[in-house]
Amino acid sequence: MTIKATLVAAFPEARRISNFLDRDYGEDGVVVSLDERPDGLWSVDAYFETGGADEIAAGICDGLGSDAFGALQSVEALPESDWVRAGFKSLKPIAVGRFFVHGSHDRRLVSAGRVAIEIDAGLAFGTGHHATTAGCLAVIDRLIRARRFARPLDLGTGSGVLAIALAKTLRRRIVATDIDPVAVEVARENAMRNRVGPWIEAVAASDVSHAAIRSGAPYDLIVANILADPLRRLAPKVTPLVARGGILVLSGLLPPQRERVVAAYGAQGVRLKAVRIFDGWSVLVLQKP
């Protein structure tokens, strides 16, 4: 019998829930998916092949504490089926520019000339399917066709998908950081799976003052696919890390949030070069004079 648990929360909490479920249950073959809902909240669905509904609900509440009581929507038994396999296969491969992001079950679909990035669902945020990640991949593809960057930084790396894309195309050392240690471990594993482990330095860093980030500066390319408020707050700290002429790619922004982020970086002397819209989400391209 397969048990499906569904939790709903705003993105930062949904991401924490997703990482908790993967960390505590991932070795048991549990599939965890993270999807945005029409109301702006995020749904976390986890499929368990062992344990009863009451046991699973109690384990989730114990692990997450009081936050789980508002987020946990349902824990239900599903009809017999291979739900673990179905959960992975529900995420179809996507082609973005030269990149082809796929799960391990779709390796056979990679065609010649594509830069294949293998990321399985349920490990950390960033399978490439959300518009913010796909948008960053599209912008990265365009940028590296015009310029060969030498010192890239990926802030908020999540699954490591953007760092892997950069490492595969630039063959340069990539500093990839996240505030979540679980995400950093996932990024390292994905880098090894994609055969770019030696190129990616994945680090858990709660702030850009971390030694690994400071030692790699100045960066000629910084990619940050996170959220609007953190991006705005980081502006005075991130701008000094950018080399003259360096590029910033910022994403995770809804249209009403875009101007505030542009203004925050404009106050630091960073100029907006382009805005790309992907399914309603903005990707900003800025440059430091």
Protein backbone atom coordinates (compact mmCIF):
# COMPACT_ATOMS: atom_id res chain seq x y z
CA MET A 1 0.00 0.00 0.00
CA THR A 2 1.24 3.48 -0.85
CA ILE A 3 0.53 6.45 1.42
CA LYS A 4 0.45 9.99 0.05
CA ALA A 5 1.05 12.92 2.41
CA THR A 6 0.28 16.45 1.18
CA LEU A 7 1.49 19.61 2.89
CA VAL A 8 0.85 23.19 1.74
CA ALA A 9 2.86 26.26 2.71
CA ALA A 10 4.56 29.39 1.40
CA PHE A 11 7.70 28.66 -0.60
CA PRO A 12 10.41 29.01 2.10
CA GLU A 13 8.54 26.70 4.48
CA ALA A 14 7.56 24.31 1.67
CA ARG A 15 11.20 24.03 0.69
CA ARG A 16 12.15 23.26 4.31
CA ILE A 17 9.44 20.60 4.47
CA SER A 18 10.60 19.06 1.18
CA ASN A 19 14.20 18.90 2.37
CA PHE A 20 13.15 17.38 5.72
CA LEU A 21 11.13 14.65 4.00
CA ASP A 22 13.96 13.83 1.62
CA ARG A 23 16.57 13.80 4.39
CA ASP A 24 14.56 11.65 6.80
CA TYR A 25 12.73 9.38 4.36
CA GLY A 26 14.63 9.59 1.05
CA GLU A 27 16.70 6.45 1.68
CA ASP A 28 13.44 4.50 1.91
CA GLY A 29 12.59 5.32 -1.71
CA VAL A 30 10.09 8.07 -0.87
CA VAL A 31 9.33 10.44 -3.75
CA VAL A 32 8.89 14.09 -2.77
CA SER A 33 7.57 16.66 -5.22
CA LEU A 34 7.37 20.44 -4.77
CA ASP A 35 4.89 22.32 -6.96
CA GLU A 36 3.47 25.83 -7.05
CA ARG A 37 -0.30 26.18 -6.72
CA PRO A 38 -2.52 28.77 -8.45
CA ASP A 39 -3.00 30.59 -5.12
CA GLY A 40 0.76 31.24 -4.82
CA LEU A 41 1.34 28.65 -2.09
CA TRP A 42 3.40 25.51 -2.70
CA SER A 43 2.30 21.90 -2.41
CA VAL A 44 4.65 19.23 -1.09
CA ASP A 45 3.54 15.68 -1.97
CA ALA A 46 5.36 12.69 -0.52
CA TYR A 47 4.71 9.06 -1.49
CA PHE A 48 5.55 6.37 1.08
CA GLU A 49 5.66 2.65 0.32
CA THR A 50 6.07 1.56 3.96
CA GLY A 51 4.20 2.54 7.11
CA GLY A 52 0.62 3.38 7.93
CA ALA A 53 -1.13 6.73 7.55
CA ASP A 54 -1.24 7.46 11.29
CA GLU A 55 2.41 6.49 11.75
CA ILE A 56 3.52 8.67 8.83
CA ALA A 57 1.43 11.65 9.99
CA ALA A 58 2.91 11.36 13.50
CA GLY A 59 6.47 11.13 12.11
CA ILE A 60 5.99 14.25 9.97
CA CYS A 61 4.52 16.24 12.87
CA ASP A 62 7.27 15.12 15.23
CA GLY A 63 9.97 16.05 12.72
CA LEU A 64 8.56 19.41 11.68
CA GLY A 65 7.11 20.50 15.01
CA SER A 66 4.23 22.95 15.28
CA ASP A 67 4.68 24.15 11.68
CA ALA A 68 3.33 20.83 10.41
CA PHE A 69 -0.11 21.27 11.94
CA GLY A 70 -1.04 24.11 9.61
CA ALA A 71 0.76 22.72 6.59
CA LEU A 72 -0.31 19.07 6.70
CA GLN A 73 -3.43 18.78 4.54
CA SER A 74 -3.94 15.05 4.16
CA VAL A 75 -2.40 11.61 4.61
CA GLU A 76 -4.21 9.01 2.54
CA ALA A 77 -3.81 5.50 1.17
CA LEU A 78 -3.67 5.27 -2.63
CA PRO A 79 -4.80 2.45 -4.92
CA GLU A 80 -2.13 -0.15 -5.61
CA SER A 81 0.38 1.12 -8.16
CA ASP A 82 4.10 1.77 -8.48
CA TRP A 83 3.76 5.32 -7.13
CA VAL A 84 7.47 5.82 -6.57
CA ARG A 85 8.21 5.15 -10.21
CA ALA A 86 5.18 7.17 -11.29
CA GLY A 87 6.29 10.10 -9.15
CA PHE A 88 9.67 10.31 -10.87
CA LYS A 89 8.19 9.85 -14.32
CA SER A 90 5.66 12.63 -13.81
CA LEU A 91 8.45 15.13 -14.42
CA LYS A 92 9.11 15.05 -18.13
CA PRO A 93 12.45 16.16 -19.61
CA ILE A 94 12.73 19.80 -20.62
CA ALA A 95 14.88 21.36 -23.32
CA VAL A 96 16.07 24.92 -22.62
CA GLY A 97 18.52 26.36 -25.11
CA ARG A 98 21.37 23.86 -25.37
CA PHE A 99 20.41 22.25 -22.05
CA PHE A 100 18.35 19.07 -21.63
CA VAL A 101 17.27 18.50 -18.04
CA HIS A 102 16.02 14.99 -17.33
CA GLY A 103 15.56 12.40 -14.62
CA SER A 104 17.56 9.20 -14.42
CA HIS A 105 14.62 7.33 -16.00
CA ASP A 106 14.94 9.41 -19.21
CA ARG A 107 18.66 9.12 -20.00
CA ARG A 108 17.82 7.36 -23.26
CA LEU A 109 16.10 10.52 -24.55
CA VAL A 110 19.25 12.67 -24.56
CA SER A 111 20.12 13.60 -28.12
CA ALA A 112 23.45 14.54 -29.66
CA GLY A 113 24.36 18.19 -29.34
CA ARG A 114 22.50 18.70 -26.08
CA VAL A 115 24.12 19.43 -22.72
CA ALA A 116 22.45 16.80 -20.55
CA ILE A 117 21.77 17.57 -16.88
CA GLU A 118 20.40 14.68 -14.83
CA ILE A 119 18.36 15.76 -11.82
CA ASP A 120 15.85 13.52 -10.08
CA ALA A 121 12.76 14.97 -8.42
CA GLY A 122 12.44 15.24 -4.68
CA LEU A 123 16.06 15.95 -3.81
CA ALA A 124 16.07 19.73 -3.47
CA PHE A 125 14.50 22.71 -5.18
CA GLY A 126 15.55 23.02 -8.81
CA THR A 127 14.64 20.21 -11.19
CA GLY A 128 14.49 22.73 -14.04
CA HIS A 129 10.73 22.50 -14.38
CA HIS A 130 9.80 25.64 -12.49
CA ALA A 131 9.79 28.77 -14.65
CA THR A 132 12.43 30.49 -12.51
CA THR A 133 14.96 27.68 -13.02
CA ALA A 134 14.13 27.17 -16.69
CA GLY A 135 14.34 30.93 -17.20
CA CYS A 136 17.79 31.08 -15.62
CA LEU A 137 18.96 28.24 -17.85
CA ALA A 138 17.70 30.08 -20.93
CA VAL A 139 19.44 33.30 -19.89
CA ILE A 140 22.67 31.46 -19.01
CA ASP A 141 22.63 29.79 -22.41
CA ARG A 142 22.33 33.15 -24.15
CA LEU A 143 25.01 34.80 -22.02
CA ILE A 144 27.66 32.12 -22.46
CA ARG A 145 27.17 32.12 -26.22
CA ALA A 146 28.36 35.74 -26.18
CA ARG A 147 30.98 35.65 -23.43
CA ARG A 148 33.21 33.08 -21.77
CA PHE A 149 32.95 33.66 -18.04
CA ALA A 150 35.90 32.67 -15.87
CA ARG A 151 34.68 33.10 -12.27
CA PRO A 152 30.99 32.18 -11.73
CA LEU A 153 29.09 32.04 -8.44
CA ASP A 154 25.73 30.29 -7.94
CA LEU A 155 23.93 31.69 -4.87
CA GLY A 156 21.09 29.53 -3.55
CA THR A 157 22.13 26.53 -5.61
CA GLY A 158 19.36 24.14 -4.44
CA SER A 159 19.78 20.94 -6.45
CA GLY A 160 22.84 22.42 -8.18
CA VAL A 161 21.20 22.46 -11.61
CA LEU A 162 22.48 25.93 -12.57
CA ALA A 163 25.99 25.26 -11.26
CA ILE A 164 26.05 22.01 -13.25
CA ALA A 165 24.92 23.85 -16.39
CA LEU A 166 27.75 26.37 -15.93
CA ALA A 167 30.35 23.72 -15.16
CA LYS A 168 29.43 21.63 -18.20
CA THR A 169 29.62 24.55 -20.60
CA LEU A 170 32.42 26.67 -19.15
CA ARG A 171 34.63 23.90 -17.65
CA ARG A 172 35.56 26.31 -14.91
CA ARG A 173 35.49 26.13 -11.12
CA ILE A 174 32.02 27.09 -9.90
CA VAL A 175 31.35 28.22 -6.34
CA ALA A 176 27.83 27.04 -5.42
CA THR A 177 26.31 27.96 -2.07
CA ASP A 178 23.05 27.50 -0.20
CA ILE A 179 21.85 28.29 3.31
CA ASP A 180 20.46 24.75 3.56
CA PRO A 181 23.10 22.05 4.28
CA VAL A 182 20.78 19.37 2.87
CA ALA A 183 20.59 21.20 -0.45
CA VAL A 184 24.39 21.54 -0.51
CA GLU A 185 24.81 17.79 -0.04
CA VAL A 186 22.28 17.15 -2.81
CA ALA A 187 24.12 19.58 -5.10
CA ARG A 188 27.39 17.72 -4.46
CA GLU A 189 25.76 14.39 -5.26
CA ASN A 190 24.21 15.78 -8.43
CA ALA A 191 27.53 17.28 -9.49
CA MET A 192 29.18 13.88 -9.15
CA ARG A 193 26.32 12.18 -10.99
CA ASN A 194 26.76 14.65 -13.84
CA ARG A 195 30.55 14.17 -13.85
CA VAL A 196 31.40 17.74 -12.91
CA GLY A 197 32.14 17.13 -9.22
CA PRO A 198 35.74 18.42 -9.45
CA TRP A 199 34.51 21.68 -11.01
CA ILE A 200 31.90 22.57 -8.37
CA GLU A 201 32.71 23.72 -4.84
CA ALA A 202 29.38 23.37 -3.00
CA VAL A 203 29.32 25.15 0.35
CA ALA A 204 26.72 25.72 3.08
CA ALA A 205 26.82 29.46 3.70
CA SER A 206 24.30 31.54 5.63
CA ASP A 207 25.77 34.80 4.33
CA VAL A 208 27.90 36.06 1.45
CA SER A 209 30.64 36.90 3.96
CA HIS A 210 31.49 33.18 4.09
CA ALA A 211 35.19 32.60 3.41
CA ALA A 212 34.56 30.34 0.41
CA ILE A 213 32.52 33.08 -1.26
CA ARG A 214 34.90 35.92 -0.41
CA SER A 215 37.97 33.99 -1.56
CA GLY A 216 36.51 33.46 -5.04
CA ALA A 217 35.71 37.13 -5.64
CA PRO A 218 35.55 39.13 -7.80
CA TYR A 219 33.07 37.14 -9.91
CA ASP A 220 32.31 37.93 -13.52
CA LEU A 221 28.99 36.06 -13.29
CA ILE A 222 26.69 35.66 -10.29
CA VAL A 223 23.46 33.68 -10.60
CA ALA A 224 20.91 33.87 -7.77
CA ASN A 225 17.58 32.11 -8.18
CA ILE A 226 16.09 32.70 -4.76
CA LEU A 227 13.36 35.12 -3.60
CA ALA A 228 12.73 38.85 -3.96
CA ASP A 229 13.25 39.96 -0.35
CA PRO A 230 16.57 38.11 0.15
CA LEU A 231 17.78 39.42 -3.20
CA ARG A 232 16.93 42.98 -2.18
CA ARG A 233 18.63 42.66 1.20
CA LEU A 234 21.73 41.12 -0.38
CA ALA A 235 22.27 43.98 -2.84
CA PRO A 236 24.85 45.94 -0.74
CA LYS A 237 26.72 42.72 0.11
CA VAL A 238 26.64 41.05 -3.29
CA THR A 239 27.60 44.07 -5.42
CA PRO A 240 31.17 44.32 -4.03
CA LEU A 241 31.70 40.68 -5.05
CA VAL A 242 31.03 41.47 -8.72
CA ALA A 243 33.95 42.31 -10.99
CA ARG A 244 33.78 45.45 -13.12
CA GLY A 245 31.79 44.53 -16.18
CA GLY A 246 30.45 41.47 -14.34
CA ILE A 247 26.93 40.14 -14.83
CA LEU A 248 24.22 39.37 -12.28
CA VAL A 249 21.35 37.01 -13.14
CA LEU A 250 18.59 37.32 -10.55
CA SER A 251 15.41 35.28 -10.49
CA GLY A 252 12.54 34.12 -8.28
CA LEU A 253 10.63 37.35 -8.91
CA LEU A 254 6.99 38.03 -9.62
CA PRO A 255 6.17 41.18 -11.66
CA PRO A 256 5.24 43.40 -8.66
CA GLN A 257 8.56 42.57 -7.00
CA ARG A 258 10.78 43.29 -9.99
CA GLU A 259 11.09 47.08 -9.68
CA ARG A 260 12.07 46.94 -6.01
CA VAL A 261 14.89 44.51 -6.75
CA VAL A 262 16.07 46.60 -9.71
CA ALA A 263 16.02 49.70 -7.48
CA ALA A 264 18.02 47.97 -4.74
CA TYR A 265 20.81 47.07 -7.15
CA GLY A 266 20.56 50.38 -8.98
CA ALA A 267 21.33 52.10 -5.68
CA GLN A 268 24.61 50.15 -5.69
CA GLY A 269 25.46 51.36 -9.20
CA VAL A 270 24.45 48.14 -10.97
CA ARG A 271 22.60 48.69 -14.25
CA LEU A 272 19.69 46.70 -15.61
CA LYS A 273 20.51 45.22 -19.01
CA ALA A 274 17.53 42.99 -19.73
CA VAL A 275 14.37 41.46 -18.25
CA ARG A 276 13.17 38.07 -19.46
CA ILE A 277 9.70 36.79 -18.55
CA PHE A 278 9.01 33.07 -18.24
CA ASP A 279 5.45 32.02 -17.36
CA GLY A 280 4.96 35.22 -15.39
CA TRP A 281 8.30 35.04 -13.54
CA SER A 282 11.05 37.57 -14.18
CA VAL A 283 14.75 36.94 -14.74
CA LEU A 284 16.85 40.08 -14.43
CA VAL A 285 20.19 40.55 -16.17
CA LEU A 286 22.24 43.35 -14.60
CA GLN A 287 25.80 44.56 -15.10
CA LYS A 288 28.28 46.35 -12.88
CA PRO A 289 30.00 49.20 -14.77
